[in-house]
Amino acid sequence: MSLIKIIEVMAILVGAFSGLVEARTKKMDVVGVFTVAFITAFGGGTLRDVLLDIRPLFWVQHQEYAILIFFMSLVASPLLRHLRHIVSERLIVVADALGLGLFSIAGVSTALHANMPLFIASMMGVITGTFGGVLRDIVCNQIPMVLRDGRPYALCSFAGCWIYLLMRKVEIDPTFALWFSVLFIVLLRLLTWFKDVRIK
């Protein structure tokens, strides 16, 4: 399995987990939990593939991704019910930050592979990183996190995507560039959230 595929699987798992947690806090049943986990895990990548005209969609091509989310929902739903005392906004933010970093770099890398210009590639990274969380929040009947808390979110993704693109441009080791950019996005998002840095 290629490194990008590993990143993509990690992103899907983290994204699905944040969807599972959010759905359980809204007291959804197992169907609702699966639905929210599914759209959180696949929403951003699906929109990216549609915009880049990539067929089949990445989760259609790899049905094991969808099967994994299905079984995660079956197991996590009763588990989270018993562990609801540890489920908090902080846990969701941490999971969301991890998903943002992983999905963003997976998205920009996919766009580069499709021979997109650098700016378009960066935007595909932002879309991949943020859109699943937007759909999750909408389905859970709340204003998307990217729009409501004032803390940098999409900007963290955008900055990390450009760091990745610039590191690739100057021919820094691709593996190092990939992990460094993911870590940059995750840490920047967490730093701005915990330090309550807001965009006015």
C-alpha atoms as a PDB file:
ATOM      1  CA  MET A   1       0.000   0.000   0.000  1.00  0.00           C
ATOM      2  CA  SER A   2       1.339   3.442  -0.950  1.00  0.00           C
ATOM      3  CA  LEU A   3       1.991   6.085   1.684  1.00  0.00           C
ATOM      4  CA  ILE A   4      -0.840   8.251   0.373  1.00  0.00           C
ATOM      5  CA  LYS A   5      -3.255   5.325   0.700  1.00  0.00           C
ATOM      6  CA  ILE A   6      -2.092   4.823   4.281  1.00  0.00           C
ATOM      7  CA  ILE A   7      -2.710   8.515   4.968  1.00  0.00           C
ATOM      8  CA  GLU A   8      -6.130   8.226   3.347  1.00  0.00           C
ATOM      9  CA  VAL A   9      -7.108   5.221   5.485  1.00  0.00           C
ATOM     10  CA  MET A  10      -5.939   6.995   8.638  1.00  0.00           C
ATOM     11  CA  ALA A  11      -7.938  10.069   7.645  1.00  0.00           C
ATOM     12  CA  ILE A  12     -11.059   7.970   7.046  1.00  0.00           C
ATOM     13  CA  LEU A  13     -10.746   6.297  10.452  1.00  0.00           C
ATOM     14  CA  VAL A  14     -10.241   9.587  12.274  1.00  0.00           C
ATOM     15  CA  GLY A  15     -13.016  11.301  10.319  1.00  0.00           C
ATOM     16  CA  ALA A  16     -15.416   8.456  10.988  1.00  0.00           C
ATOM     17  CA  PHE A  17     -14.538   8.534  14.687  1.00  0.00           C
ATOM     18  CA  SER A  18     -15.332  12.243  14.954  1.00  0.00           C
ATOM     19  CA  GLY A  19     -18.640  11.549  13.202  1.00  0.00           C
ATOM     20  CA  LEU A  20     -19.401   8.651  15.568  1.00  0.00           C
ATOM     21  CA  VAL A  21     -18.716  10.790  18.617  1.00  0.00           C
ATOM     22  CA  GLU A  22     -20.796  13.698  17.343  1.00  0.00           C
ATOM     23  CA  ALA A  23     -23.699  11.415  16.431  1.00  0.00           C
ATOM     24  CA  ARG A  24     -23.690   9.783  19.872  1.00  0.00           C
ATOM     25  CA  THR A  25     -23.722  13.167  21.611  1.00  0.00           C
ATOM     26  CA  LYS A  26     -26.904  13.868  19.607  1.00  0.00           C
ATOM     27  CA  LYS A  27     -28.341  10.532  20.852  1.00  0.00           C
ATOM     28  CA  MET A  28     -28.761   9.105  17.341  1.00  0.00           C
ATOM     29  CA  ASP A  29     -29.549   5.442  16.777  1.00  0.00           C
ATOM     30  CA  VAL A  30     -27.175   3.099  14.960  1.00  0.00           C
ATOM     31  CA  VAL A  31     -28.473   4.158  11.523  1.00  0.00           C
ATOM     32  CA  GLY A  32     -27.867   7.789  12.361  1.00  0.00           C
ATOM     33  CA  VAL A  33     -24.422   6.988  13.746  1.00  0.00           C
ATOM     34  CA  PHE A  34     -23.461   5.154  10.548  1.00  0.00           C
ATOM     35  CA  THR A  35     -24.839   7.953   8.354  1.00  0.00           C
ATOM     36  CA  VAL A  36     -22.927  10.687  10.178  1.00  0.00           C
ATOM     37  CA  ALA A  37     -19.721   8.621  10.295  1.00  0.00           C
ATOM     38  CA  PHE A  38     -20.039   7.840   6.579  1.00  0.00           C
ATOM     39  CA  ILE A  39     -20.521  11.403   5.385  1.00  0.00           C
ATOM     40  CA  THR A  40     -17.794  12.700   7.699  1.00  0.00           C
ATOM     41  CA  ALA A  41     -15.314  10.122   6.430  1.00  0.00           C
ATOM     42  CA  PHE A  42     -16.190  10.381   2.735  1.00  0.00           C
ATOM     43  CA  GLY A  43     -17.781  13.800   2.180  1.00  0.00           C
ATOM     44  CA  GLY A  44     -14.634  15.814   1.441  1.00  0.00           C
ATOM     45  CA  GLY A  45     -12.987  13.155  -0.718  1.00  0.00           C
ATOM     46  CA  THR A  46     -16.201  12.621  -2.675  1.00  0.00           C
ATOM     47  CA  LEU A  47     -16.519  16.310  -3.524  1.00  0.00           C
ATOM     48  CA  ARG A  48     -12.831  16.396  -4.489  1.00  0.00           C
ATOM     49  CA  ASP A  49     -13.231  13.408  -6.819  1.00  0.00           C
ATOM     50  CA  VAL A  50     -16.355  14.928  -8.404  1.00  0.00           C
ATOM     51  CA  LEU A  51     -14.581  18.249  -9.023  1.00  0.00           C
ATOM     52  CA  LEU A  52     -11.495  16.503 -10.421  1.00  0.00           C
ATOM     53  CA  ASP A  53     -13.676  14.139 -12.493  1.00  0.00           C
ATOM     54  CA  ILE A  54     -12.106  11.061 -10.898  1.00  0.00           C
ATOM     55  CA  ARG A  55     -14.125   7.888 -11.418  1.00  0.00           C
ATOM     56  CA  PRO A  56     -14.931   5.684  -9.671  1.00  0.00           C
ATOM     57  CA  LEU A  57     -15.074   7.662  -6.430  1.00  0.00           C
ATOM     58  CA  PHE A  58     -12.338   6.630  -4.015  1.00  0.00           C
ATOM     59  CA  TRP A  59     -14.685   4.855  -1.598  1.00  0.00           C
ATOM     60  CA  VAL A  60     -16.505   3.104  -4.448  1.00  0.00           C
ATOM     61  CA  GLN A  61     -13.199   1.841  -5.808  1.00  0.00           C
ATOM     62  CA  HIS A  62     -12.256   0.630  -2.326  1.00  0.00           C
ATOM     63  CA  GLN A  63     -15.457  -0.831  -0.877  1.00  0.00           C
ATOM     64  CA  GLU A  64     -13.476  -2.029   2.147  1.00  0.00           C
ATOM     65  CA  TYR A  65     -13.458   1.587   3.355  1.00  0.00           C
ATOM     66  CA  ALA A  66     -17.264   1.660   3.528  1.00  0.00           C
ATOM     67  CA  ILE A  67     -17.385  -1.816   5.101  1.00  0.00           C
ATOM     68  CA  LEU A  68     -14.920  -0.664   7.758  1.00  0.00           C
ATOM     69  CA  ILE A  69     -17.112   2.331   8.633  1.00  0.00           C
ATOM     70  CA  PHE A  70     -20.144   0.042   8.823  1.00  0.00           C
ATOM     71  CA  PHE A  71     -18.513  -2.250  11.378  1.00  0.00           C
ATOM     72  CA  MET A  72     -17.057   0.702  13.284  1.00  0.00           C
ATOM     73  CA  SER A  73     -20.587   2.068  13.661  1.00  0.00           C
ATOM     74  CA  LEU A  74     -21.924  -1.244  14.974  1.00  0.00           C
ATOM     75  CA  VAL A  75     -19.151  -1.549  17.549  1.00  0.00           C
ATOM     76  CA  ALA A  76     -18.733   2.092  18.519  1.00  0.00           C
ATOM     77  CA  SER A  77     -22.398   2.913  19.021  1.00  0.00           C
ATOM     78  CA  PRO A  78     -22.916   0.772  22.162  1.00  0.00           C
ATOM     79  CA  LEU A  79     -19.340   1.411  23.321  1.00  0.00           C
ATOM     80  CA  LEU A  80     -19.719   5.190  23.226  1.00  0.00           C
ATOM     81  CA  ARG A  81     -23.031   4.889  25.051  1.00  0.00           C
ATOM     82  CA  HIS A  82     -21.156   3.467  28.041  1.00  0.00           C
ATOM     83  CA  LEU A  83     -18.242   5.883  27.697  1.00  0.00           C
ATOM     84  CA  ARG A  84     -20.301   9.033  27.172  1.00  0.00           C
ATOM     85  CA  HIS A  85     -18.742  10.631  30.255  1.00  0.00           C
ATOM     86  CA  ILE A  86     -15.406  10.961  28.386  1.00  0.00           C
ATOM     87  CA  VAL A  87     -16.986  12.345  25.219  1.00  0.00           C
ATOM     88  CA  SER A  88     -16.468  16.084  25.149  1.00  0.00           C
ATOM     89  CA  GLU A  89     -16.060  18.966  22.742  1.00  0.00           C
ATOM     90  CA  ARG A  90     -12.296  18.766  23.321  1.00  0.00           C
ATOM     91  CA  LEU A  91     -12.218  15.146  22.119  1.00  0.00           C
ATOM     92  CA  ILE A  92     -14.159  16.083  18.988  1.00  0.00           C
ATOM     93  CA  VAL A  93     -11.820  19.013  18.296  1.00  0.00           C
ATOM     94  CA  VAL A  94      -8.717  16.808  18.610  1.00  0.00           C
ATOM     95  CA  ALA A  95     -10.205  14.151  16.314  1.00  0.00           C
ATOM     96  CA  ASP A  96     -11.313  16.859  13.897  1.00  0.00           C
ATOM     97  CA  ALA A  97      -7.811  18.393  13.838  1.00  0.00           C
ATOM     98  CA  LEU A  98      -6.263  15.007  13.045  1.00  0.00           C
ATOM     99  CA  GLY A  99      -8.788  14.456  10.270  1.00  0.00           C
ATOM    100  CA  LEU A 100      -8.177  17.955   8.920  1.00  0.00           C
ATOM    101  CA  GLY A 101      -4.438  17.370   8.610  1.00  0.00           C
ATOM    102  CA  LEU A 102      -4.659  13.884   7.138  1.00  0.00           C
ATOM    103  CA  PHE A 103      -7.475  14.619   4.694  1.00  0.00           C
ATOM    104  CA  SER A 104      -5.958  17.912   3.535  1.00  0.00           C
ATOM    105  CA  ILE A 105      -2.631  16.410   2.535  1.00  0.00           C
ATOM    106  CA  ALA A 106      -4.291  13.364   0.996  1.00  0.00           C
ATOM    107  CA  GLY A 107      -6.444  15.760  -1.039  1.00  0.00           C
ATOM    108  CA  VAL A 108      -3.635  17.998  -2.276  1.00  0.00           C
ATOM    109  CA  SER A 109      -1.557  14.934  -3.160  1.00  0.00           C
ATOM    110  CA  THR A 110      -4.439  13.447  -5.159  1.00  0.00           C
ATOM    111  CA  ALA A 111      -4.849  16.730  -7.036  1.00  0.00           C
ATOM    112  CA  LEU A 112      -1.133  16.832  -7.848  1.00  0.00           C
ATOM    113  CA  HIS A 113      -1.359  13.288  -9.141  1.00  0.00           C
ATOM    114  CA  ALA A 114      -4.190  14.491 -11.405  1.00  0.00           C
ATOM    115  CA  ASN A 115      -1.829  17.194 -12.767  1.00  0.00           C
ATOM    116  CA  MET A 116      -3.738  20.122 -11.303  1.00  0.00           C
ATOM    117  CA  PRO A 117      -2.103  23.583 -11.008  1.00  0.00           C
ATOM    118  CA  LEU A 118      -0.684  24.385  -7.577  1.00  0.00           C
ATOM    119  CA  PHE A 119      -3.464  26.729  -6.440  1.00  0.00           C
ATOM    120  CA  ILE A 120      -6.189  24.314  -7.532  1.00  0.00           C
ATOM    121  CA  ALA A 121      -4.320  21.498  -5.772  1.00  0.00           C
ATOM    122  CA  SER A 122      -4.248  23.522  -2.557  1.00  0.00           C
ATOM    123  CA  MET A 123      -7.980  24.209  -2.802  1.00  0.00           C
ATOM    124  CA  MET A 124      -8.660  20.501  -3.359  1.00  0.00           C
ATOM    125  CA  GLY A 125      -6.729  19.864  -0.158  1.00  0.00           C
ATOM    126  CA  VAL A 126      -8.860  22.363   1.761  1.00  0.00           C
ATOM    127  CA  ILE A 127     -12.075  20.914   0.333  1.00  0.00           C
ATOM    128  CA  THR A 128     -11.022  17.360   1.195  1.00  0.00           C
ATOM    129  CA  GLY A 129     -10.030  18.444   4.695  1.00  0.00           C
ATOM    130  CA  THR A 130     -13.097  20.464   5.604  1.00  0.00           C
ATOM    131  CA  PHE A 131     -16.176  19.327   3.695  1.00  0.00           C
ATOM    132  CA  GLY A 132     -16.796  16.097   5.602  1.00  0.00           C
ATOM    133  CA  GLY A 133     -16.924  18.037   8.864  1.00  0.00           C
ATOM    134  CA  VAL A 134     -19.260  20.590   7.299  1.00  0.00           C
ATOM    135  CA  LEU A 135     -21.682  17.831   6.274  1.00  0.00           C
ATOM    136  CA  ARG A 136     -21.398  16.210   9.707  1.00  0.00           C
ATOM    137  CA  ASP A 137     -22.368  19.430  11.477  1.00  0.00           C
ATOM    138  CA  ILE A 138     -25.229  20.154   9.080  1.00  0.00           C
ATOM    139  CA  VAL A 139     -26.717  16.676   9.558  1.00  0.00           C
ATOM    140  CA  CYS A 140     -26.308  17.113  13.328  1.00  0.00           C
ATOM    141  CA  ASN A 141     -28.318  20.350  13.035  1.00  0.00           C
ATOM    142  CA  GLN A 142     -25.641  22.839  13.963  1.00  0.00           C
ATOM    143  CA  ILE A 143     -23.671  25.557  12.217  1.00  0.00           C
ATOM    144  CA  PRO A 144     -20.496  23.970  10.789  1.00  0.00           C
ATOM    145  CA  MET A 145     -17.442  24.306  13.035  1.00  0.00           C
ATOM    146  CA  VAL A 146     -15.523  25.870  10.159  1.00  0.00           C
ATOM    147  CA  LEU A 147     -17.973  28.794  10.224  1.00  0.00           C
ATOM    148  CA  ARG A 148     -19.016  29.228  13.830  1.00  0.00           C
ATOM    149  CA  ASP A 149     -16.112  29.348  16.272  1.00  0.00           C
ATOM    150  CA  GLY A 150     -13.993  32.056  14.624  1.00  0.00           C
ATOM    151  CA  ARG A 151     -10.791  30.064  15.111  1.00  0.00           C
ATOM    152  CA  PRO A 152      -8.677  29.334  11.999  1.00  0.00           C
ATOM    153  CA  TYR A 153      -9.781  26.050  10.462  1.00  0.00           C
ATOM    154  CA  ALA A 154      -9.764  26.163   6.677  1.00  0.00           C
ATOM    155  CA  LEU A 155      -6.794  28.551   6.934  1.00  0.00           C
ATOM    156  CA  CYS A 156      -4.807  25.891   8.809  1.00  0.00           C
ATOM    157  CA  SER A 157      -5.518  23.459   5.989  1.00  0.00           C
ATOM    158  CA  PHE A 158      -4.642  26.020   3.324  1.00  0.00           C
ATOM    159  CA  ALA A 159      -1.332  26.916   4.999  1.00  0.00           C
ATOM    160  CA  GLY A 160      -0.384  23.257   5.453  1.00  0.00           C
ATOM    161  CA  CYS A 161      -1.211  22.453   1.831  1.00  0.00           C
ATOM    162  CA  TRP A 162       1.085  25.216   0.623  1.00  0.00           C
ATOM    163  CA  ILE A 163       3.879  24.056   2.904  1.00  0.00           C
ATOM    164  CA  TYR A 164       3.525  20.610   1.329  1.00  0.00           C
ATOM    165  CA  LEU A 165       3.498  22.064  -2.198  1.00  0.00           C
ATOM    166  CA  LEU A 166       6.555  24.235  -1.555  1.00  0.00           C
ATOM    167  CA  MET A 167       8.479  21.374   0.038  1.00  0.00           C
ATOM    168  CA  ARG A 168       7.715  19.215  -2.988  1.00  0.00           C
ATOM    169  CA  LYS A 169       8.748  22.081  -5.290  1.00  0.00           C
ATOM    170  CA  VAL A 170      12.206  22.304  -3.715  1.00  0.00           C
ATOM    171  CA  GLU A 171      12.467  18.508  -3.861  1.00  0.00           C
ATOM    172  CA  ILE A 172      12.464  17.769  -0.154  1.00  0.00           C
ATOM    173  CA  ASP A 173      11.943  14.076   0.557  1.00  0.00           C
ATOM    174  CA  PRO A 174       8.251  13.387  -0.271  1.00  0.00           C
ATOM    175  CA  THR A 175       7.692  11.239   2.828  1.00  0.00           C
ATOM    176  CA  PHE A 176       9.102  13.897   5.138  1.00  0.00           C
ATOM    177  CA  ALA A 177       7.132  16.630   3.351  1.00  0.00           C
ATOM    178  CA  LEU A 178       3.927  14.669   3.707  1.00  0.00           C
ATOM    179  CA  TRP A 179       4.203  13.913   7.439  1.00  0.00           C
ATOM    180  CA  PHE A 180       5.586  17.355   8.276  1.00  0.00           C
ATOM    181  CA  SER A 181       2.649  19.045   6.529  1.00  0.00           C
ATOM    182  CA  VAL A 182       0.097  16.813   8.264  1.00  0.00           C
ATOM    183  CA  LEU A 183       1.674  17.544  11.645  1.00  0.00           C
ATOM    184  CA  PHE A 184       1.799  21.268  10.880  1.00  0.00           C
ATOM    185  CA  ILE A 185      -1.939  21.420  10.157  1.00  0.00           C
ATOM    186  CA  VAL A 186      -2.877  19.365  13.219  1.00  0.00           C
ATOM    187  CA  LEU A 187      -0.705  21.358  15.628  1.00  0.00           C
ATOM    188  CA  LEU A 188      -1.698  24.726  14.162  1.00  0.00           C
ATOM    189  CA  ARG A 189      -5.396  23.877  14.460  1.00  0.00           C
ATOM    190  CA  LEU A 190      -5.017  22.649  18.045  1.00  0.00           C
ATOM    191  CA  LEU A 191      -2.861  25.632  19.008  1.00  0.00           C
ATOM    192  CA  THR A 192      -5.365  28.159  17.666  1.00  0.00           C
ATOM    193  CA  TRP A 193      -8.230  26.326  19.375  1.00  0.00           C
ATOM    194  CA  PHE A 194      -6.642  25.900  22.801  1.00  0.00           C
ATOM    195  CA  LYS A 195      -5.159  29.431  22.748  1.00  0.00           C
ATOM    196  CA  ASP A 196      -8.526  30.774  21.561  1.00  0.00           C
ATOM    197  CA  VAL A 197      -7.012  32.568  18.562  1.00  0.00           C
ATOM    198  CA  ARG A 198      -9.876  34.051  16.582  1.00  0.00           C
ATOM    199  CA  ILE A 199     -10.247  35.673  13.183  1.00  0.00           C
ATOM    200  CA  LYS A 200     -12.045  38.980  13.490  1.00  0.00           C
END
